[in-house]
Amino acid sequence: PAQANAFFTRYCDAFNASDGEAVAQLWHRPSSLSDSRDGFARVTCWTDEASMRANMVALCEAYRGVVGHRWAFELRDHIALGENHAFVNVVWTMTRGEETLQRFATGYQLGRFDKGWQVLFCTAYQEDLSEIKNHAAP
């Protein structure tokens, strides 16, 4: 859990800086993301760095539109899978001042590589990116 906490501190800091490049460095290639859109699970697989990096930069741009926001996280579940793998369920909270703008959980499969811990697979089972538009500056 301490290593996962350190990893997600870096991950959260990258999002708070709206630094898609730093976020991308914390993802392995290849990697995948599953989310739920249109009532069904969908999977996006990134086999190359350019497409994964473009996604992370675009995600940070979407969040950047929410002026004055801050992200915080808490580890809900941590399951060690040997020395080099872990499943971590994280609760994310986006705030602006005292106002909570979003709160959702996301699951991550992490692996330890020569670059350190990185995301192999992410299951975004609660986040609603369309909700960001309700908080973005006009």
Protein backbone atom coordinates (compact mmCIF):
# COMPACT_ATOMS: atom_id res chain seq x y z
CA PRO A 1 0.00 0.00 0.00
CA ALA A 2 2.84 2.47 0.70
CA GLN A 3 4.21 2.06 -2.84
CA ALA A 4 0.71 2.42 -4.30
CA ASN A 5 0.16 5.55 -2.22
CA ALA A 6 3.44 7.02 -3.51
CA PHE A 7 2.48 6.12 -7.09
CA PHE A 8 -0.97 7.75 -6.84
CA THR A 9 0.51 10.82 -5.16
CA ARG A 10 2.63 11.32 -8.31
CA TYR A 11 -0.38 10.53 -10.51
CA CYS A 12 -2.59 13.00 -8.64
CA ASP A 13 0.12 15.68 -8.73
CA ALA A 14 0.37 15.27 -12.53
CA PHE A 15 -3.40 15.76 -12.88
CA ASN A 16 -3.36 18.75 -10.54
CA ALA A 17 -0.67 20.28 -12.76
CA SER A 18 -2.77 19.43 -15.86
CA ASP A 19 0.38 17.75 -17.17
CA GLY A 20 -0.74 15.10 -19.64
CA GLU A 21 2.89 14.27 -20.46
CA ALA A 22 3.59 13.43 -16.79
CA VAL A 23 0.38 11.36 -16.61
CA ALA A 24 1.43 9.45 -19.73
CA GLN A 25 4.80 8.58 -18.16
CA LEU A 26 2.90 6.67 -15.48
CA TRP A 27 1.21 4.40 -18.03
CA HIS A 28 2.88 1.36 -19.55
CA ARG A 29 2.81 0.64 -23.27
CA PRO A 30 0.85 -1.39 -24.11
CA SER A 31 -1.98 -0.52 -21.74
CA SER A 32 -5.76 -0.45 -21.75
CA LEU A 33 -8.69 1.44 -20.33
CA SER A 34 -12.22 0.15 -19.90
CA ASP A 35 -15.15 2.45 -19.27
CA SER A 36 -18.91 2.35 -19.64
CA ARG A 37 -20.51 4.42 -22.36
CA ASP A 38 -23.89 3.96 -23.96
CA GLY A 39 -24.75 1.31 -21.36
CA PHE A 40 -21.95 -1.10 -22.31
CA ALA A 41 -18.36 -1.72 -21.29
CA ARG A 42 -15.82 -0.48 -23.82
CA VAL A 43 -12.09 -1.11 -24.00
CA THR A 44 -9.44 1.14 -25.49
CA CYS A 45 -6.02 -0.44 -26.05
CA TRP A 46 -2.91 1.65 -26.57
CA THR A 47 -0.09 -0.23 -28.20
CA ASP A 48 1.94 2.85 -29.06
CA GLU A 49 3.04 5.77 -26.97
CA ALA A 50 1.69 8.50 -29.27
CA SER A 51 -1.98 7.48 -29.05
CA MET A 52 -1.86 6.89 -25.30
CA ARG A 53 -0.06 10.21 -24.74
CA ALA A 54 -2.61 12.05 -26.90
CA ASN A 55 -5.42 10.63 -24.76
CA MET A 56 -3.79 11.71 -21.49
CA VAL A 57 -3.07 15.20 -22.82
CA ALA A 58 -6.70 15.53 -24.01
CA LEU A 59 -7.99 14.33 -20.63
CA CYS A 60 -5.88 16.93 -18.80
CA GLU A 61 -7.16 19.59 -21.21
CA ALA A 62 -10.75 18.64 -20.36
CA TYR A 63 -10.00 18.93 -16.64
CA ARG A 64 -8.11 22.20 -17.18
CA GLY A 65 -11.42 23.75 -18.25
CA VAL A 66 -12.60 23.44 -14.65
CA VAL A 67 -10.85 26.55 -13.34
CA GLY A 68 -9.53 26.28 -9.80
CA HIS A 69 -10.08 22.56 -9.39
CA ARG A 70 -7.96 20.22 -7.26
CA TRP A 71 -7.82 16.44 -7.22
CA ALA A 72 -7.39 14.28 -4.13
CA PHE A 73 -7.43 10.50 -3.82
CA GLU A 74 -7.84 7.79 -1.25
CA LEU A 75 -6.91 4.15 -1.62
CA ARG A 76 -10.03 2.07 -1.08
CA ASP A 77 -8.62 -1.39 -1.81
CA HIS A 78 -5.11 -2.70 -2.41
CA ILE A 79 -4.46 -6.28 -3.41
CA ALA A 80 -0.83 -7.26 -3.86
CA LEU A 81 -0.41 -9.77 -6.67
CA GLY A 82 3.14 -10.92 -5.98
CA GLU A 83 6.02 -8.47 -5.89
CA ASN A 84 5.45 -6.81 -9.25
CA HIS A 85 1.68 -6.46 -9.64
CA ALA A 86 -1.16 -4.95 -7.66
CA PHE A 87 -4.81 -4.14 -8.06
CA VAL A 88 -5.78 -0.81 -6.51
CA ASN A 89 -9.25 0.70 -6.22
CA VAL A 90 -8.98 4.48 -5.83
CA VAL A 91 -11.62 7.04 -4.89
CA TRP A 92 -11.02 10.36 -6.65
CA THR A 93 -12.47 13.67 -5.49
CA MET A 94 -12.40 16.86 -7.57
CA THR A 95 -13.00 20.02 -5.56
CA ARG A 96 -13.03 23.74 -6.14
CA GLY A 97 -12.67 25.54 -2.85
CA GLU A 98 -15.09 23.86 -0.44
CA GLU A 99 -17.31 22.51 -3.24
CA THR A 100 -17.09 18.85 -4.30
CA LEU A 101 -17.45 18.74 -8.08
CA GLN A 102 -17.00 15.00 -8.60
CA ARG A 103 -16.36 11.89 -6.53
CA PHE A 104 -15.89 8.51 -8.17
CA ALA A 105 -13.92 5.27 -7.90
CA THR A 106 -11.59 3.78 -10.50
CA GLY A 107 -9.76 0.44 -10.51
CA TYR A 108 -6.14 0.10 -11.62
CA GLN A 109 -3.97 -2.89 -12.42
CA LEU A 110 -0.40 -1.77 -11.76
CA GLY A 111 2.87 -3.41 -12.73
CA ARG A 112 6.41 -2.69 -11.61
CA PHE A 113 8.81 -2.23 -14.53
CA ASP A 114 12.31 -0.81 -14.99
CA LYS A 115 10.70 2.68 -14.95
CA GLY A 116 8.89 1.90 -11.70
CA TRP A 117 5.18 1.33 -11.13
CA GLN A 118 2.91 1.98 -14.13
CA VAL A 119 -0.74 1.47 -15.05
CA LEU A 120 -1.35 -1.63 -17.16
CA PHE A 121 -5.14 -1.53 -17.11
CA CYS A 122 -7.67 0.96 -15.80
CA THR A 123 -11.36 0.35 -15.22
CA ALA A 124 -13.16 3.70 -15.06
CA TYR A 125 -16.44 2.34 -13.74
CA GLN A 126 -17.87 5.47 -12.11
CA GLU A 127 -16.35 8.56 -13.72
CA ASP A 128 -18.66 10.64 -15.90
CA LEU A 129 -16.54 12.87 -18.13
CA SER A 130 -19.64 14.62 -19.44
CA GLU A 131 -20.16 15.94 -15.90
CA ILE A 132 -16.92 17.94 -16.27
CA LYS A 133 -18.67 20.13 -18.84
CA ASN A 134 -21.11 21.28 -16.16
CA HIS A 135 -18.22 22.74 -14.15
CA ALA A 136 -16.06 24.10 -16.97
CA ALA A 137 -15.66 27.79 -17.58
CA PRO A 138 -17.82 29.08 -20.46
